[in-house]
Amino acid sequence: MLQRVQNISVGFLVSFIGSVPLGYLNLAGLEIYSRSGFPNLIFFLFGVVFVETFVIYFTLLFAKRLVKNKKLMKIIDVFAVLFMFVLAYFFYSNSHHASGSGNQLNSYLMYSPFVIGVLLNCFNFLQLPFWTSWNLYLINAKYITIEKKLKYYYIAGTLAGVFSGMLSLIVLLQTIFHETNPFSKYVMPVFIPLFFMIMGSIQVFKVYKKYFKSTALES
């Protein structure tokens, strides 16, 4: 019983904190919440959690193999860098076309919020190295036990943490960037692109330090 509670608690804590830098998923959720209401936001989060279930499960089982596959991890890390800068350009470009042709994001809102959550989370490449490293650390440090059915308690905790973390952050952002807020007009053209530029720059530094710095020193 104690191990079950520990698995749930550790999973919830890690995923709750880890859901904060989920970047464009939180921003997409904010867009859905502000335009379509709270019920659609819930369906969107269910779509995100649906994909997260498989990601966490398979990275939990194959964490050691994934870490050893340096070529695959390098491809994922480099692609994540490019994806951050593409998102920065998308939001910046979208903000400049919004006044003339209508917000391009509206075209995505015609689909089911659940489907949007599923599709967008499928492109969340940063979650693979995130969950791989965390699962491996938690297993090696014996914070969690994945024998038999105990791993499902950990997965349940992580999914609850992702859902709660994203929901809390999106509601908070909606409160901060409400339409009556004088800074709200700068969210799309300035703050969001700047956020992804910073995230991309940080990822560039991490990739360089992880893959290229050691090679340069050896040569």
Foldseek 3Di string as FASTA:
>chain_A
DVQLVLLLVVLLVLLLVVLPVLAPLLVLLLVCCVPPHDVLSLLLLLLQLVQVLVLLVVLLVCLVVVVVPVVVVLVLLVVLLVVLLVQLVVLQVQLVCCVPPHRPSVVVNVDRSSVVSNVVNVPSSVVNVVSSVVSVVCVVVVSHDDPDCSNVSNSVSNSVNNSVNSVVVSVVVCVQLPVVHPCVSCVRNHVSSVVSVVVSVVSVVVSCVVPPPVVVVVD
